[in-house]
Amino acid sequence: MKITFASALHLMHEATWGSLATHSAEMPGYPFATALPFALDEQHCPVCLISGLAEHTKNLIADARASFLIHSPTGDNVLTGERISIIGNMVAISPSQDFITRYLRYHPDAREYLALGDFTFYRLTPKRSRYVAGFGQMGWLEAEEWTEAKILPLAEEKTVIHDIASMRKAPTKIFGIDYYGFDVEINGKRTRQRFPDAPIALGQMSEIVRRFLAAFE
C-alpha cells in the first residue's frame, strides 16, 4: 500500500527513544540490541549520544551497519501501533553547537553525559526503512525520501523559535520545528503537532505555532 514519508517523520518525532541493533563484535554473526534516546537532526536522521565504553559503540566502530527501531509511545497493542525500522550506516559525527543545543532541548539530562567527555554523537544515515502505519498498512521507504525531504537549517530553526518565544506571554517549551510540524510541551508532556498541507512556507511557521499555543495561554 502507499505510505508517506511525512507520517513516518511524525512518528519519529513523537518517540523519545528507539532500539538499536548492531553487529556483535563479541559474538560475530549475532545481532546486539539496546535501547537509546535520540533526536532527529535537520535532515530528519536519528542521532544518539553514546558512551565510548558501551558495547554497541564497539560494535559500530567495527561495523557501521545498523538498524534502529522506533515505535509509537502511545497505544496498548504494539502489533497494531506505528513503528519504523531504519536500516543504514551509523557513524560518529562532530555536530555543530546549534545541533547540540537542539539535542539538549529534547534531552536536557544529556548535558551531564557531555560533561563526562566520553560520549560521542552517532548519526544513522538511512538506506532503507520499513514503516508500519498499523495493521495491514506497511511498506518500504527508500533513502531518497530523506534526501528529497525539505530541510530547515538549524540556524533558521533557532530564529523561528526565538521569534515565537519573543511574541508570547506564557512560557511554553518548544523542542524543535521543521517544515512538516513542531514538537512542543503541552501540560508537561511533549507532543508532535503536524502542519496542515505540509511542507509549509518558512514565513508561515511562526504564525501557525503562535495561533496553536495561544489556546493554552
Protein backbone atom coordinates (compact mmCIF):
# COMPACT_ATOMS: atom_id res chain seq x y z
CA MET A 1 0.00 0.00 0.00
CA LYS A 2 1.02 3.64 -0.39
CA ILE A 3 2.63 5.05 2.74
CA THR A 4 4.02 8.55 3.21
CA PHE A 5 7.34 9.82 4.48
CA ALA A 6 5.55 12.60 6.36
CA SER A 7 3.65 10.07 8.51
CA ALA A 8 6.88 8.22 9.31
CA LEU A 9 8.54 11.54 10.11
CA HIS A 10 5.83 12.46 12.61
CA LEU A 11 6.25 9.07 14.29
CA MET A 12 10.00 9.64 14.63
CA HIS A 13 9.30 12.98 16.29
CA GLU A 14 6.74 11.53 18.69
CA ALA A 15 9.14 8.95 20.12
CA THR A 16 11.90 9.76 22.60
CA TRP A 17 13.88 6.54 22.30
CA GLY A 18 14.45 3.59 19.98
CA SER A 19 16.04 0.14 19.87
CA LEU A 20 19.43 -0.01 18.16
CA ALA A 21 20.61 -3.29 16.65
CA THR A 22 24.31 -3.62 15.77
CA HIS A 23 26.60 -6.45 14.64
CA SER A 24 28.12 -8.01 17.74
CA ALA A 25 31.92 -7.81 17.84
CA GLU A 26 31.97 -10.08 20.90
CA MET A 27 29.82 -12.75 19.25
CA PRO A 28 30.35 -12.45 15.48
CA GLY A 29 27.32 -13.24 13.36
CA TYR A 30 24.81 -12.33 16.07
CA PRO A 31 22.89 -9.05 16.39
CA PHE A 32 23.16 -6.97 19.56
CA ALA A 33 20.18 -4.81 20.55
CA THR A 34 19.93 -1.99 23.05
CA ALA A 35 17.66 0.98 23.85
CA LEU A 36 18.79 4.56 23.31
CA PRO A 37 17.33 8.07 23.41
CA PHE A 38 17.65 10.01 20.17
CA ALA A 39 16.74 13.23 18.40
CA LEU A 40 16.46 13.98 14.71
CA ASP A 41 18.86 16.37 13.02
CA GLU A 42 17.81 18.93 10.41
CA GLN A 43 17.99 16.22 7.73
CA HIS A 44 15.50 14.07 9.68
CA CYS A 45 18.12 11.45 10.59
CA PRO A 46 18.29 9.88 14.08
CA VAL A 47 21.24 10.95 16.21
CA CYS A 48 22.22 9.27 19.50
CA LEU A 49 24.70 10.30 22.17
CA ILE A 50 26.56 7.18 23.28
CA SER A 51 29.44 6.26 25.54
CA GLY A 52 32.75 5.01 24.21
CA LEU A 53 32.54 2.19 26.77
CA ALA A 54 29.18 0.91 25.53
CA GLU A 55 29.04 -2.45 23.78
CA HIS A 56 27.10 -1.01 20.85
CA THR A 57 29.77 1.65 20.35
CA LYS A 58 32.44 -1.02 19.98
CA ASN A 59 30.17 -2.81 17.52
CA LEU A 60 29.64 0.34 15.43
CA ILE A 61 33.36 1.09 15.27
CA ALA A 62 33.91 -2.40 13.87
CA ASP A 63 30.87 -2.36 11.56
CA ALA A 64 28.77 0.76 10.95
CA ARG A 65 25.78 -1.19 9.58
CA ALA A 66 22.84 -0.92 11.97
CA SER A 67 19.09 -0.91 12.32
CA PHE A 68 17.07 1.42 14.53
CA LEU A 69 13.51 0.54 15.56
CA ILE A 70 11.20 3.37 16.58
CA HIS A 71 7.63 2.70 17.68
CA SER A 72 4.72 4.81 18.81
CA PRO A 73 4.81 5.77 22.51
CA THR A 74 1.01 5.52 22.64
CA GLY A 75 -1.33 2.54 22.42
CA ASP A 76 -1.55 -0.75 24.28
CA ASN A 77 -1.01 -3.16 21.37
CA VAL A 78 2.42 -2.95 19.77
CA LEU A 79 1.24 -5.08 16.84
CA THR A 80 -1.34 -2.51 15.76
CA GLY A 81 0.74 0.56 16.54
CA GLU A 82 3.02 2.58 14.28
CA ARG A 83 6.69 1.64 14.01
CA ILE A 84 9.60 2.08 11.68
CA SER A 85 12.80 0.05 11.28
CA ILE A 86 15.52 2.23 9.78
CA ILE A 87 18.41 0.38 8.15
CA GLY A 88 21.62 2.23 7.38
CA ASN A 89 25.11 3.19 8.48
CA MET A 90 25.66 4.77 11.90
CA VAL A 91 28.88 6.72 12.32
CA ALA A 92 30.37 9.22 14.74
CA ILE A 93 29.89 12.90 13.92
CA SER A 94 31.15 16.23 15.20
CA PRO A 95 27.90 18.20 15.42
CA SER A 96 27.56 21.96 15.33
CA GLN A 97 26.75 23.86 18.50
CA ASP A 98 23.30 24.54 17.08
CA PHE A 99 22.60 20.81 16.88
CA ILE A 100 23.94 20.19 20.39
CA THR A 101 21.58 22.92 21.63
CA ARG A 102 18.71 21.25 19.75
CA TYR A 103 19.57 17.82 21.19
CA LEU A 104 19.65 19.22 24.71
CA ARG A 105 16.20 20.73 24.26
CA TYR A 106 14.91 17.20 23.67
CA HIS A 107 17.18 15.52 26.23
CA PRO A 108 18.36 18.03 28.88
CA ASP A 109 19.84 15.23 31.03
CA ALA A 110 22.38 14.63 28.26
CA ARG A 111 24.24 17.72 29.45
CA GLU A 112 25.69 15.57 32.25
CA TYR A 113 26.93 12.98 29.75
CA LEU A 114 28.58 15.62 27.59
CA ALA A 115 30.41 16.91 30.66
CA LEU A 116 31.97 13.47 31.17
CA GLY A 117 33.82 13.76 27.87
CA ASP A 118 33.49 10.09 26.91
CA PHE A 119 30.26 10.46 24.95
CA THR A 120 30.03 10.91 21.19
CA PHE A 121 27.18 11.69 18.83
CA TYR A 122 26.41 8.98 16.27
CA ARG A 123 24.20 9.63 13.24
CA LEU A 124 22.22 6.99 11.37
CA THR A 125 22.03 7.65 7.63
CA PRO A 126 19.07 5.65 6.26
CA LYS A 127 19.47 3.35 3.29
CA ARG A 128 16.04 1.74 3.50
CA SER A 129 13.27 1.68 6.10
CA ARG A 130 10.25 -0.50 6.78
CA TYR A 131 7.32 1.59 8.01
CA VAL A 132 4.21 0.05 9.54
CA ALA A 133 1.37 2.55 9.91
CA GLY A 134 -0.95 0.00 11.52
CA PHE A 135 -2.30 -3.49 11.00
CA GLY A 136 -2.05 -4.31 7.27
CA GLN A 137 -0.64 -0.87 6.45
CA MET A 138 3.03 -1.14 5.64
CA GLY A 139 5.69 -0.54 3.03
CA TRP A 140 9.29 0.41 2.32
CA LEU A 141 10.73 3.92 2.37
CA GLU A 142 13.86 4.50 0.31
CA ALA A 143 16.87 6.70 1.09
CA GLU A 144 15.59 9.23 -1.44
CA GLU A 145 12.68 10.01 0.89
CA TRP A 146 15.19 11.58 3.28
CA THR A 147 17.34 13.32 0.68
CA GLU A 148 14.29 14.81 -1.06
CA ALA A 149 12.53 15.96 2.13
CA LYS A 150 12.54 19.68 2.77
CA ILE A 151 15.19 20.74 5.27
CA LEU A 152 15.01 23.64 7.71
CA PRO A 153 18.60 24.67 8.56
CA LEU A 154 19.33 24.76 12.28
CA ALA A 155 20.14 28.48 12.21
CA GLU A 156 16.70 29.21 10.74
CA GLU A 157 15.01 26.90 13.25
CA LYS A 158 16.68 28.84 16.05
CA THR A 159 15.43 32.12 14.59
CA VAL A 160 11.85 30.84 14.32
CA ILE A 161 11.83 29.50 17.89
CA HIS A 162 13.23 32.80 19.18
CA ASP A 163 10.60 34.72 17.20
CA ILE A 164 7.78 32.62 18.68
CA ALA A 165 9.14 32.95 22.22
CA SER A 166 9.52 36.73 21.95
CA MET A 167 5.89 37.19 20.88
CA ARG A 168 4.23 35.08 23.56
CA LYS A 169 3.22 35.69 27.16
CA ALA A 170 3.14 32.17 28.60
CA PRO A 171 6.40 30.19 28.70
CA THR A 172 5.79 27.08 26.61
CA LYS A 173 8.73 24.88 25.72
CA ILE A 174 9.29 24.33 22.00
CA PHE A 175 11.69 21.46 21.36
CA GLY A 176 12.01 21.68 17.60
CA ILE A 177 10.34 22.79 14.40
CA ASP A 178 10.57 21.79 10.74
CA TYR A 179 8.59 22.19 7.53
CA TYR A 180 6.25 19.33 8.47
CA GLY A 181 5.39 20.11 12.10
CA PHE A 182 6.71 21.10 15.51
CA ASP A 183 7.40 19.48 18.89
CA VAL A 184 6.03 21.31 21.91
CA GLU A 185 5.36 20.69 25.59
CA ILE A 186 1.67 20.67 26.47
CA ASN A 187 0.58 20.01 30.07
CA GLY A 188 4.06 18.75 30.91
CA LYS A 189 4.18 16.29 28.01
CA ARG A 190 6.00 16.50 24.69
CA THR A 191 3.67 16.30 21.70
CA ARG A 192 4.05 16.43 17.93
CA GLN A 193 1.82 18.88 16.07
CA ARG A 194 1.50 18.49 12.30
CA PHE A 195 1.34 21.39 9.91
CA PRO A 196 -1.64 21.24 7.53
CA ASP A 197 -0.71 20.92 3.85
CA ALA A 198 2.95 20.33 4.74
CA PRO A 199 5.59 21.18 3.81
CA ILE A 200 4.59 24.75 4.54
CA ALA A 201 6.40 28.01 3.71
CA LEU A 202 9.03 29.28 6.12
CA GLY A 203 7.14 32.53 6.61
CA GLN A 204 4.06 30.68 7.87
CA MET A 205 5.72 28.82 10.71
CA SER A 206 5.78 31.42 13.46
CA GLU A 207 2.17 32.48 12.99
CA ILE A 208 0.80 28.92 12.85
CA VAL A 209 2.66 27.92 16.02
CA ARG A 210 1.65 31.10 17.84
CA ARG A 211 -2.02 30.55 16.98
CA PHE A 212 -1.82 26.99 18.27
CA LEU A 213 -0.11 27.94 21.53
CA ALA A 214 -2.49 30.86 22.14
CA ALA A 215 -5.14 28.32 23.16
CA PHE A 216 -3.01 27.36 26.16
CA GLU A 217 -2.32 30.86 27.46
